[in-house]
Amino acid sequence: MQVSESIDGTIGSESPSTTRWQRRSGSLFRWSALTLGATVWTSALLFGLYILAFYAAAIVEGEVQTWNEGLPGLYEPDKEAATTGIGLHFAAGGIILILGCVQLLENVRRRFLRLHRWLGHLYIGASIVAALGGLTFIAVNGTIGGTVMDIGFSLYGILMLVAAIETIRHARAKRLSHHKVWALRLFALAIGSWLYRMDYGFWFMLADGVGHTNDFRGPFDRVMAFFFYLPNLLVVEVWTRTPRLTYSPVTRTLAAVVLLLATAFLVIGTYYFTKYEWGPAIVAWLPVGG
């Protein structure tokens, strides 16, 4: 009979049914994690394409005033430095959203190392440009939300800049374990702009926008100035610093359920964003749509 040590340190015998449950709970957790990852990548990819289609394309077409349709006060004709900064931020931001998930794929890193490195340089460069562009805009123009949003968004830009530099620095020094950790931190920051939109979308859907004001200075807005990226970094820190533990089938099953619920929420949010905002802008940007 198979004997193993349980999660609380006691020794016990495992019946065949328990062993089957362990295998099935493990498989369920892995598939739920993969499903969530695929959903995040798909949603972030769509949002990245939307950023390029709406904001970056407006620069090429000379219609940057359309930025104000989504975010009032974003474009001011007499502030060229701010416009240049936020334009670079948007263009580079779309690139890092599209490339971020690709760079984390283990199969790509192992089988296509040269591609991983080439895309990595593009990814890091875009991250640095996005960070500096956003910081330039804040320094010249400030944000619509005032001091709290200025601080929150500036900290976000500084953290992204540091993460990008550290990711490439450790890669070049062949410190791959450090490189992977900083790459995860950079990815957690890179998806921040996507999560910012998703969080607002769910808040309006579930709470009717309580705490939000048009000038982004309400209590919910002040929390969101930091919430769209600090929890992401906390998850990465816990994940990278906590030793790998052997969890019970019950724990794995409950975790899988949580992941599937999160996936369902993201699917719903992505569907509505794509149908009413991202999709039309992307289609209009494509040759067949224009």
Protein backbone atom coordinates (compact mmCIF):
# COMPACT_ATOMS: atom_id res chain seq x y z
CA MET A 1 0.00 0.00 0.00
CA GLN A 2 1.28 3.47 -0.84
CA VAL A 3 2.30 5.59 2.14
CA SER A 4 2.87 9.32 2.02
CA GLU A 5 3.17 12.36 4.26
CA SER A 6 0.08 14.53 4.37
CA ILE A 7 0.04 18.34 4.30
CA ASP A 8 -0.02 18.64 8.10
CA GLY A 9 2.97 16.37 8.51
CA THR A 10 1.15 13.22 9.61
CA ILE A 11 1.72 9.87 8.01
CA GLY A 12 -1.19 8.03 6.56
CA SER A 13 -2.18 5.45 4.02
CA GLU A 14 -3.71 6.48 0.70
CA SER A 15 -6.53 4.50 -0.78
CA PRO A 16 -6.80 4.06 -4.57
CA SER A 17 -9.74 6.50 -4.61
CA THR A 18 -7.63 9.13 -2.82
CA THR A 19 -4.80 8.64 -5.28
CA ARG A 20 -7.21 9.09 -8.21
CA TRP A 21 -8.57 12.25 -6.62
CA GLN A 22 -5.06 13.61 -6.24
CA ARG A 23 -4.32 13.02 -9.92
CA ARG A 24 -7.63 14.48 -11.05
CA SER A 25 -7.38 17.53 -8.78
CA GLY A 26 -3.86 18.12 -10.06
CA SER A 27 -5.00 17.88 -13.67
CA LEU A 28 -7.98 20.15 -12.97
CA PHE A 29 -5.74 22.76 -11.39
CA ARG A 30 -3.25 22.66 -14.29
CA TRP A 31 -5.97 22.97 -16.93
CA SER A 32 -7.76 25.76 -15.05
CA ALA A 33 -4.45 27.64 -14.76
CA LEU A 34 -3.77 27.16 -18.48
CA THR A 35 -7.30 28.32 -19.32
CA LEU A 36 -6.90 31.43 -17.22
CA GLY A 37 -3.52 32.13 -18.79
CA ALA A 38 -4.92 31.75 -22.31
CA THR A 39 -7.82 34.05 -21.44
CA VAL A 40 -5.50 36.71 -20.02
CA TRP A 41 -3.29 36.52 -23.10
CA THR A 42 -6.24 36.74 -25.51
CA SER A 43 -7.82 39.65 -23.65
CA ALA A 44 -4.52 41.52 -23.28
CA LEU A 45 -3.78 40.90 -26.97
CA LEU A 46 -7.13 42.38 -27.98
CA PHE A 47 -6.58 45.38 -25.73
CA GLY A 48 -3.07 45.83 -27.11
CA LEU A 49 -4.45 45.82 -30.66
CA TYR A 50 -7.10 48.32 -29.57
CA ILE A 51 -4.42 50.65 -28.17
CA LEU A 52 -2.53 50.49 -31.47
CA ALA A 53 -5.72 50.85 -33.53
CA PHE A 54 -7.20 53.79 -31.66
CA TYR A 55 -4.41 55.74 -29.99
CA ALA A 56 -1.29 54.92 -32.03
CA ALA A 57 -3.14 55.03 -35.36
CA ALA A 58 -4.48 58.48 -34.49
CA ILE A 59 -0.88 59.76 -34.49
CA VAL A 60 -0.22 58.38 -37.97
CA GLU A 61 -3.51 59.75 -39.26
CA GLY A 62 -3.02 63.17 -37.63
CA GLU A 63 -6.21 62.89 -35.58
CA VAL A 64 -4.85 62.87 -32.04
CA GLN A 65 -7.77 65.01 -30.88
CA THR A 66 -9.85 61.81 -30.92
CA TRP A 67 -7.95 60.70 -27.80
CA ASN A 68 -10.15 63.04 -25.79
CA GLU A 69 -13.23 60.99 -26.71
CA GLY A 70 -12.15 58.28 -24.29
CA LEU A 71 -10.02 60.29 -21.87
CA PRO A 72 -10.92 64.01 -21.69
CA GLY A 73 -7.96 66.38 -21.53
CA LEU A 74 -5.50 63.81 -22.81
CA TYR A 75 -4.59 65.89 -25.86
CA GLU A 76 -3.89 69.62 -25.65
CA PRO A 77 -2.58 71.29 -28.84
CA ASP A 78 -0.27 73.68 -26.98
CA LYS A 79 1.59 70.94 -25.11
CA GLU A 80 3.63 69.10 -27.73
CA ALA A 81 5.97 67.41 -25.23
CA ALA A 82 3.02 65.90 -23.36
CA THR A 83 1.41 64.75 -26.60
CA THR A 84 4.66 63.15 -27.78
CA GLY A 85 5.16 61.45 -24.43
CA ILE A 86 1.69 59.96 -24.19
CA GLY A 87 1.75 59.00 -27.88
CA LEU A 88 4.94 57.00 -27.35
CA HIS A 89 3.41 55.54 -24.19
CA PHE A 90 0.38 54.27 -26.08
CA ALA A 91 2.29 52.91 -29.07
CA ALA A 92 4.85 51.10 -26.90
CA GLY A 93 2.14 49.97 -24.49
CA GLY A 94 0.30 48.16 -27.25
CA ILE A 95 3.49 46.34 -28.20
CA ILE A 96 4.31 45.13 -24.69
CA LEU A 97 0.77 43.86 -24.15
CA ILE A 98 1.03 41.77 -27.32
CA LEU A 99 4.55 40.46 -26.63
CA GLY A 100 4.36 39.97 -22.87
CA CYS A 101 2.60 36.63 -22.80
CA VAL A 102 4.68 35.30 -25.70
CA GLN A 103 7.91 35.98 -23.80
CA LEU A 104 6.72 33.95 -20.83
CA LEU A 105 5.96 30.82 -22.86
CA GLU A 106 8.46 28.15 -21.84
CA ASN A 107 8.28 26.36 -25.21
CA VAL A 108 9.25 29.56 -27.01
CA ARG A 109 12.18 30.13 -24.67
CA ARG A 110 13.47 26.56 -25.08
CA ARG A 111 12.81 25.85 -28.74
CA PHE A 112 13.22 29.32 -30.23
CA LEU A 113 15.84 30.95 -28.04
CA ARG A 114 17.00 33.36 -30.74
CA LEU A 115 13.42 34.53 -31.31
CA HIS A 116 12.95 34.89 -27.55
CA ARG A 117 16.03 37.09 -27.33
CA TRP A 118 15.07 39.21 -30.34
CA LEU A 119 11.53 39.73 -29.09
CA GLY A 120 12.95 40.34 -25.63
CA HIS A 121 14.98 43.30 -26.83
CA LEU A 122 11.90 44.71 -28.54
CA TYR A 123 9.82 44.05 -25.42
CA ILE A 124 12.32 45.72 -23.09
CA GLY A 125 12.77 48.67 -25.43
CA ALA A 126 9.02 49.17 -25.69
CA SER A 127 8.67 48.93 -21.90
CA ILE A 128 11.29 51.63 -21.39
CA VAL A 129 9.67 53.88 -24.00
CA ALA A 130 6.22 53.34 -22.46
CA ALA A 131 7.53 54.20 -19.00
CA LEU A 132 9.44 57.31 -20.08
CA GLY A 133 6.58 58.47 -22.30
CA GLY A 134 4.07 58.22 -19.47
CA LEU A 135 6.39 59.93 -16.99
CA THR A 136 7.00 62.76 -19.48
CA PHE A 137 3.27 63.29 -19.91
CA ILE A 138 2.71 63.43 -16.14
CA ALA A 139 5.62 65.83 -15.60
CA VAL A 140 4.42 68.22 -18.32
CA ASN A 141 0.64 67.89 -18.15
CA GLY A 142 -0.31 66.04 -14.98
CA THR A 143 -3.15 63.53 -14.85
CA ILE A 144 -6.86 64.21 -14.79
CA GLY A 145 -7.07 62.75 -11.27
CA GLY A 146 -4.76 65.27 -9.63
CA THR A 147 -2.04 64.63 -7.07
CA VAL A 148 -3.07 61.11 -6.02
CA MET A 149 -3.24 59.86 -9.61
CA ASP A 150 0.00 61.70 -10.43
CA ILE A 151 1.78 59.85 -7.62
CA GLY A 152 0.21 56.48 -8.39
CA PHE A 153 0.87 56.60 -12.12
CA SER A 154 4.38 58.02 -11.67
CA LEU A 155 5.27 55.19 -9.30
CA TYR A 156 3.90 52.78 -11.89
CA GLY A 157 6.13 54.26 -14.59
CA ILE A 158 9.21 54.23 -12.36
CA LEU A 159 8.63 50.60 -11.36
CA MET A 160 8.21 49.58 -15.00
CA LEU A 161 11.41 51.37 -15.95
CA VAL A 162 13.35 49.65 -13.15
CA ALA A 163 11.86 46.23 -13.97
CA ALA A 164 12.73 46.57 -17.66
CA ILE A 165 16.32 47.56 -16.93
CA GLU A 166 16.80 44.80 -14.35
CA THR A 167 15.28 42.17 -16.66
CA ILE A 168 17.73 42.84 -19.47
CA ARG A 169 20.66 43.42 -17.08
CA HIS A 170 20.34 40.00 -15.48
CA ALA A 171 19.77 38.33 -18.86
CA ARG A 172 23.01 39.74 -20.23
CA ALA A 173 24.85 38.68 -17.08
CA LYS A 174 23.49 35.11 -17.49
CA ARG A 175 21.79 35.29 -14.08
CA LEU A 176 18.74 33.49 -15.43
CA SER A 177 16.96 32.92 -12.12
CA HIS A 178 17.05 36.66 -11.38
CA HIS A 179 16.15 37.40 -14.98
CA LYS A 180 13.00 35.25 -14.75
CA VAL A 181 11.86 36.92 -11.53
CA TRP A 182 12.31 40.41 -12.95
CA ALA A 183 10.61 39.34 -16.18
CA LEU A 184 7.60 38.24 -14.13
CA ARG A 185 7.58 41.59 -12.34
CA LEU A 186 7.74 43.40 -15.66
CA PHE A 187 4.87 41.32 -17.02
CA ALA A 188 2.80 42.04 -13.88
CA LEU A 189 3.32 45.74 -14.56
CA ALA A 190 2.81 45.44 -18.32
CA ILE A 191 -0.73 44.08 -17.92
CA GLY A 192 -1.55 46.89 -15.49
CA SER A 193 -3.12 49.11 -18.15
CA TRP A 194 -5.30 46.22 -19.27
CA LEU A 195 -6.35 45.43 -15.69
CA TYR A 196 -7.12 49.12 -15.11
CA ARG A 197 -9.79 49.00 -17.84
CA MET A 198 -11.07 45.61 -16.75
CA ASP A 199 -11.37 46.68 -13.11
CA TYR A 200 -13.34 49.77 -14.05
CA GLY A 201 -15.55 47.74 -16.35
CA PHE A 202 -16.41 45.22 -13.64
CA TRP A 203 -16.90 47.96 -11.05
CA PHE A 204 -19.42 49.74 -13.25
CA MET A 205 -21.14 46.46 -14.02
CA LEU A 206 -21.32 45.20 -10.42
CA ALA A 207 -21.43 48.42 -8.35
CA ASP A 208 -22.74 50.96 -10.87
CA GLY A 209 -19.54 52.99 -10.55
CA VAL A 210 -19.95 53.88 -6.86
CA GLY A 211 -17.00 56.01 -5.74
CA HIS A 212 -16.06 57.11 -9.26
CA THR A 213 -16.28 60.71 -10.42
CA ASN A 214 -15.85 62.22 -13.88
CA ASP A 215 -12.63 63.92 -12.80
CA PHE A 216 -11.25 60.61 -11.45
CA ARG A 217 -10.93 62.00 -7.94
CA GLY A 218 -13.49 59.86 -6.17
CA PRO A 219 -12.55 57.30 -3.49
CA PHE A 220 -12.64 54.40 -5.94
CA ASP A 221 -10.48 56.35 -8.41
CA ARG A 222 -7.91 57.08 -5.72
CA VAL A 223 -7.67 53.39 -4.84
CA MET A 224 -7.38 52.44 -8.51
CA ALA A 225 -4.42 54.82 -8.96
CA PHE A 226 -2.40 52.12 -7.18
CA PHE A 227 -4.58 49.00 -7.26
CA PHE A 228 -4.06 48.20 -10.95
CA TYR A 229 -0.42 47.23 -10.43
CA LEU A 230 0.54 46.81 -6.74
CA PRO A 231 -1.54 43.62 -6.19
CA ASN A 232 0.01 42.16 -9.34
CA LEU A 233 3.48 42.69 -7.94
CA LEU A 234 2.41 41.22 -4.60
CA VAL A 235 1.25 38.04 -6.34
CA VAL A 236 4.62 37.75 -8.10
CA GLU A 237 6.52 38.26 -4.84
CA VAL A 238 4.48 35.60 -3.05
CA TRP A 239 4.81 33.20 -6.00
CA THR A 240 8.59 33.59 -6.33
CA ARG A 241 9.41 33.65 -2.61
CA THR A 242 7.16 30.86 -1.34
CA PRO A 243 8.65 27.35 -1.50
CA ARG A 244 6.75 24.90 -3.68
CA LEU A 245 4.42 22.97 -1.36
CA THR A 246 2.44 19.79 -1.84
CA TYR A 247 -1.21 20.72 -1.42
CA SER A 248 -4.09 18.41 -0.64
CA PRO A 249 -6.63 17.46 -3.34
CA VAL A 250 -9.23 19.64 -1.60
CA THR A 251 -6.96 22.70 -1.76
CA ARG A 252 -6.10 22.09 -5.41
CA THR A 253 -9.76 21.61 -6.31
CA LEU A 254 -10.81 24.81 -4.54
CA ALA A 255 -7.96 26.70 -6.21
CA ALA A 256 -9.06 25.36 -9.59
CA VAL A 257 -12.61 26.56 -8.94
CA VAL A 258 -11.32 30.04 -8.07
CA LEU A 259 -9.25 30.13 -11.26
CA LEU A 260 -12.22 29.03 -13.35
CA LEU A 261 -14.42 31.72 -11.78
CA ALA A 262 -11.76 34.32 -12.52
CA THR A 263 -11.61 33.02 -16.09
CA ALA A 264 -15.39 33.33 -16.43
CA PHE A 265 -15.30 36.95 -15.24
CA LEU A 266 -12.51 37.79 -17.68
CA VAL A 267 -14.34 36.11 -20.56
CA ILE A 268 -17.47 38.15 -19.83
CA GLY A 269 -15.51 41.39 -19.48
CA THR A 270 -13.47 40.74 -22.61
CA TYR A 271 -16.63 39.94 -24.58
CA TYR A 272 -18.33 43.22 -23.72
CA PHE A 273 -15.20 45.33 -24.14
CA THR A 274 -14.50 43.71 -27.51
CA LYS A 275 -18.08 44.03 -28.71
CA TYR A 276 -18.63 47.66 -27.78
CA GLU A 277 -15.18 49.29 -27.69
CA TRP A 278 -12.09 47.31 -28.68
CA GLY A 279 -13.60 45.37 -31.58
CA PRO A 280 -15.06 48.32 -33.54
CA ALA A 281 -11.80 50.26 -33.23
CA ILE A 282 -9.72 47.29 -34.39
CA VAL A 283 -12.02 46.53 -37.33
CA ALA A 284 -12.04 50.19 -38.39
CA TRP A 285 -8.24 50.18 -38.30
CA LEU A 286 -7.91 47.12 -40.54
CA PRO A 287 -7.86 47.66 -44.32
CA VAL A 288 -11.08 45.67 -44.72
CA GLY A 289 -12.74 47.76 -42.05
CA GLY A 290 -11.56 51.17 -43.16
